């Protein structure tokens, strides 16, 4: 990673965000199956959107409501325009609005924990508290077309935004 990329990686911003309508799939998943489950859900959401002529209004996200050693309560979703409705296990919902701290992680996800550590350090140093689970936005994935991991950039070029609502 270049020095410029490392400098961009450590930027923390406090933003006031609007609530964002989403379509998502939530489930408890074994940590060992997490990558496979995420791939399946991204494909399912992409097919659902395309079958209904809906366009995403942003990149897909993953939000871990509870992350345990063996399993996680995970939500994978796609931002959509207001009024979109789900069907079956695809549910309509929203990412929360209000104050949030954000940062970027550039590159492979084996170092993603460092970005979470930066967010935690900021919360502690500023005397603020989280107001719900954080989410990761995967800017290299386009769900408006059938997801094809072979067309994604190399993992060293992935751009992941972390968003954490704060009280």
Protein backbone atom coordinates (compact mmCIF):
# COMPACT_ATOMS: atom_id res chain seq x y z
CA UNK A 1 0.00 0.00 0.00
CA UNK A 2 1.41 3.42 -0.93
CA UNK A 3 1.92 6.22 1.60
CA UNK A 4 -0.96 8.15 -0.01
CA UNK A 5 -3.27 5.15 0.41
CA UNK A 6 -2.23 4.74 4.04
CA UNK A 7 -2.89 8.45 4.68
CA UNK A 8 -6.38 8.17 3.18
CA UNK A 9 -7.03 5.02 5.17
CA UNK A 10 -6.72 6.74 8.56
CA UNK A 11 -9.17 9.58 7.88
CA UNK A 12 -12.10 9.65 10.30
CA UNK A 13 -15.13 11.80 9.61
CA UNK A 14 -18.18 12.60 11.69
CA UNK A 15 -21.19 12.91 9.41
CA UNK A 16 -24.89 13.60 9.79
CA UNK A 17 -26.52 10.97 7.59
CA UNK A 18 -30.03 10.64 6.27
CA UNK A 19 -31.83 7.30 6.82
CA UNK A 20 -31.26 5.09 3.76
CA UNK A 21 -33.94 2.65 2.56
CA UNK A 22 -32.51 -0.80 1.86
CA UNK A 23 -33.45 -4.29 0.81
CA UNK A 24 -31.57 -6.85 2.84
CA UNK A 25 -31.28 -10.45 3.99
CA UNK A 26 -30.58 -11.15 7.66
CA UNK A 27 -29.61 -14.49 9.16
CA UNK A 28 -27.43 -16.16 11.73
CA UNK A 29 -24.47 -17.65 9.88
CA UNK A 30 -21.55 -19.79 11.00
CA UNK A 31 -18.37 -17.69 10.86
CA UNK A 32 -16.71 -20.47 8.85
CA UNK A 33 -19.41 -19.99 6.13
CA UNK A 34 -19.49 -16.21 6.21
CA UNK A 35 -17.76 -15.50 2.88
CA UNK A 36 -19.87 -18.11 1.07
CA UNK A 37 -23.09 -16.83 2.67
CA UNK A 38 -22.27 -13.25 1.72
CA UNK A 39 -21.61 -14.24 -1.90
CA UNK A 40 -24.91 -16.13 -2.08
CA UNK A 41 -26.84 -13.18 -0.65
CA UNK A 42 -25.22 -10.61 -2.95
CA UNK A 43 -26.24 -12.77 -5.93
CA UNK A 44 -29.77 -13.25 -4.58
CA UNK A 45 -30.25 -9.51 -4.00
CA UNK A 46 -28.87 -8.72 -7.46
CA UNK A 47 -31.28 -11.17 -9.12
CA UNK A 48 -34.19 -9.77 -7.09
CA UNK A 49 -33.43 -6.16 -8.09
CA UNK A 50 -32.94 -6.98 -11.76
CA UNK A 51 -36.12 -9.11 -11.92
CA UNK A 52 -38.15 -6.17 -10.61
CA UNK A 53 -36.40 -3.46 -12.62
CA UNK A 54 -35.02 -1.84 -9.46
CA UNK A 55 -31.68 -0.07 -9.43
CA UNK A 56 -29.45 0.13 -6.36
CA UNK A 57 -28.70 3.68 -5.22
CA UNK A 58 -25.40 2.70 -3.61
CA UNK A 59 -22.98 -0.12 -2.99
CA UNK A 60 -23.91 -3.25 -1.02
CA UNK A 61 -23.27 -3.34 2.70
CA UNK A 62 -22.77 -5.88 5.46
CA UNK A 63 -23.89 -5.13 9.02
CA UNK A 64 -23.01 -7.48 11.85
CA UNK A 65 -25.65 -7.18 14.58
CA UNK A 66 -23.88 -9.72 16.82
CA UNK A 67 -20.49 -11.25 16.02
CA UNK A 68 -19.56 -14.32 18.03
CA UNK A 69 -16.69 -16.76 17.85
CA UNK A 70 -18.73 -19.45 16.09
CA UNK A 71 -21.60 -17.57 14.45
CA UNK A 72 -22.75 -14.09 13.56
CA UNK A 73 -26.09 -12.34 13.12
CA UNK A 74 -25.37 -10.66 9.80
CA UNK A 75 -27.40 -8.47 7.45
CA UNK A 76 -26.37 -8.05 3.82
CA UNK A 77 -28.20 -5.39 1.89
CA UNK A 78 -28.39 -2.88 -0.91
CA UNK A 79 -29.47 0.77 -0.70
CA UNK A 80 -32.60 1.40 -2.79
CA UNK A 81 -35.05 4.21 -3.47
CA UNK A 82 -37.84 4.78 -0.98
CA UNK A 83 -40.86 2.55 -1.49
CA UNK A 84 -39.04 -0.59 -2.62
CA UNK A 85 -40.52 -3.71 -1.04
CA UNK A 86 -39.05 -7.09 -0.38
CA UNK A 87 -40.40 -10.59 -0.68
CA UNK A 88 -39.64 -13.76 1.25
CA UNK A 89 -36.40 -13.44 3.15
CA UNK A 90 -35.54 -10.19 1.34
CA UNK A 91 -36.89 -7.47 3.60
CA UNK A 92 -37.33 -3.73 3.22
CA UNK A 93 -35.70 -1.67 5.96
CA UNK A 94 -33.35 1.24 6.44
CA UNK A 95 -29.86 2.08 7.54
CA UNK A 96 -30.21 4.60 10.36
CA UNK A 97 -29.79 8.33 9.93
CA UNK A 98 -28.15 10.72 12.34
CA UNK A 99 -24.61 11.18 13.54
CA UNK A 100 -22.09 8.58 12.43
CA UNK A 101 -18.34 8.22 12.34
CA UNK A 102 -16.88 6.89 9.10
CA UNK A 103 -13.51 5.73 7.86
CA UNK A 104 -12.11 3.91 4.86
CA UNK A 105 -10.15 0.72 4.59
CA UNK A 106 -8.20 0.18 1.39
CA UNK A 107 -7.15 -3.34 0.51
CA UNK A 108 -7.69 -6.90 1.64
CA UNK A 109 -10.00 -7.56 4.54
CA UNK A 110 -7.47 -9.38 6.70
CA UNK A 111 -6.53 -5.90 8.02
CA UNK A 112 -10.10 -4.59 8.31
CA UNK A 113 -9.89 -4.95 12.10
CA UNK A 114 -7.43 -2.03 12.12
CA UNK A 115 -10.15 0.26 10.77
CA UNK A 116 -12.52 -0.89 13.51
CA UNK A 117 -9.77 -0.25 16.07
CA UNK A 118 -9.47 3.34 14.79
CA UNK A 119 -13.21 3.82 15.18
CA UNK A 120 -13.16 2.36 18.71
CA UNK A 121 -10.19 4.56 19.66
CA UNK A 122 -12.03 7.65 18.41
CA UNK A 123 -15.15 6.74 20.39
CA UNK A 124 -13.10 6.34 23.56
CA UNK A 125 -11.01 9.49 23.03
CA UNK A 126 -14.06 11.64 22.23
CA UNK A 127 -16.25 10.29 25.01
CA UNK A 128 -18.90 9.21 22.51
CA UNK A 129 -20.81 5.93 22.34
CA UNK A 130 -21.97 3.77 19.48
CA UNK A 131 -25.68 4.00 18.72
CA UNK A 132 -26.05 0.63 16.99
CA UNK A 133 -24.00 -1.74 14.90
CA UNK A 134 -21.52 -0.52 12.31
CA UNK A 135 -21.71 -1.53 8.67
CA UNK A 136 -19.20 -2.06 5.89
CA UNK A 137 -19.89 -0.68 2.41
CA UNK A 138 -18.25 -2.66 -0.41
CA UNK A 139 -17.65 -0.06 -3.12
CA UNK A 140 -16.05 -2.51 -5.56
CA UNK A 141 -19.23 -4.58 -5.99
CA UNK A 142 -21.92 -3.52 -8.49
CA UNK A 143 -25.18 -5.38 -7.84
CA UNK A 144 -26.96 -3.76 -10.79
CA UNK A 145 -25.34 -6.52 -12.86
CA UNK A 146 -24.94 -10.18 -12.03
CA UNK A 147 -22.12 -10.24 -9.47
CA UNK A 148 -19.00 -11.85 -10.88
CA UNK A 149 -16.06 -11.95 -8.51
CA UNK A 150 -13.72 -12.49 -11.47
CA UNK A 151 -14.54 -8.93 -12.64
CA UNK A 152 -13.80 -7.35 -9.26
CA UNK A 153 -10.54 -5.53 -8.74
CA UNK A 154 -7.71 -7.30 -6.98
CA UNK A 155 -8.35 -7.44 -3.20
CA UNK A 156 -5.45 -5.04 -2.70
CA UNK A 157 -7.57 -2.41 -4.52
CA UNK A 158 -10.83 -2.94 -2.59
CA UNK A 159 -12.36 0.21 -1.08
CA UNK A 160 -14.45 -0.49 2.00
CA UNK A 161 -16.19 2.29 3.90
CA UNK A 162 -17.01 1.69 7.58
CA UNK A 163 -19.96 3.58 9.04
CA UNK A 164 -20.80 3.52 12.75
CA UNK A 165 -23.80 5.41 14.18
CA UNK A 166 -22.91 7.40 17.30
CA UNK A 167 -24.95 8.83 20.16
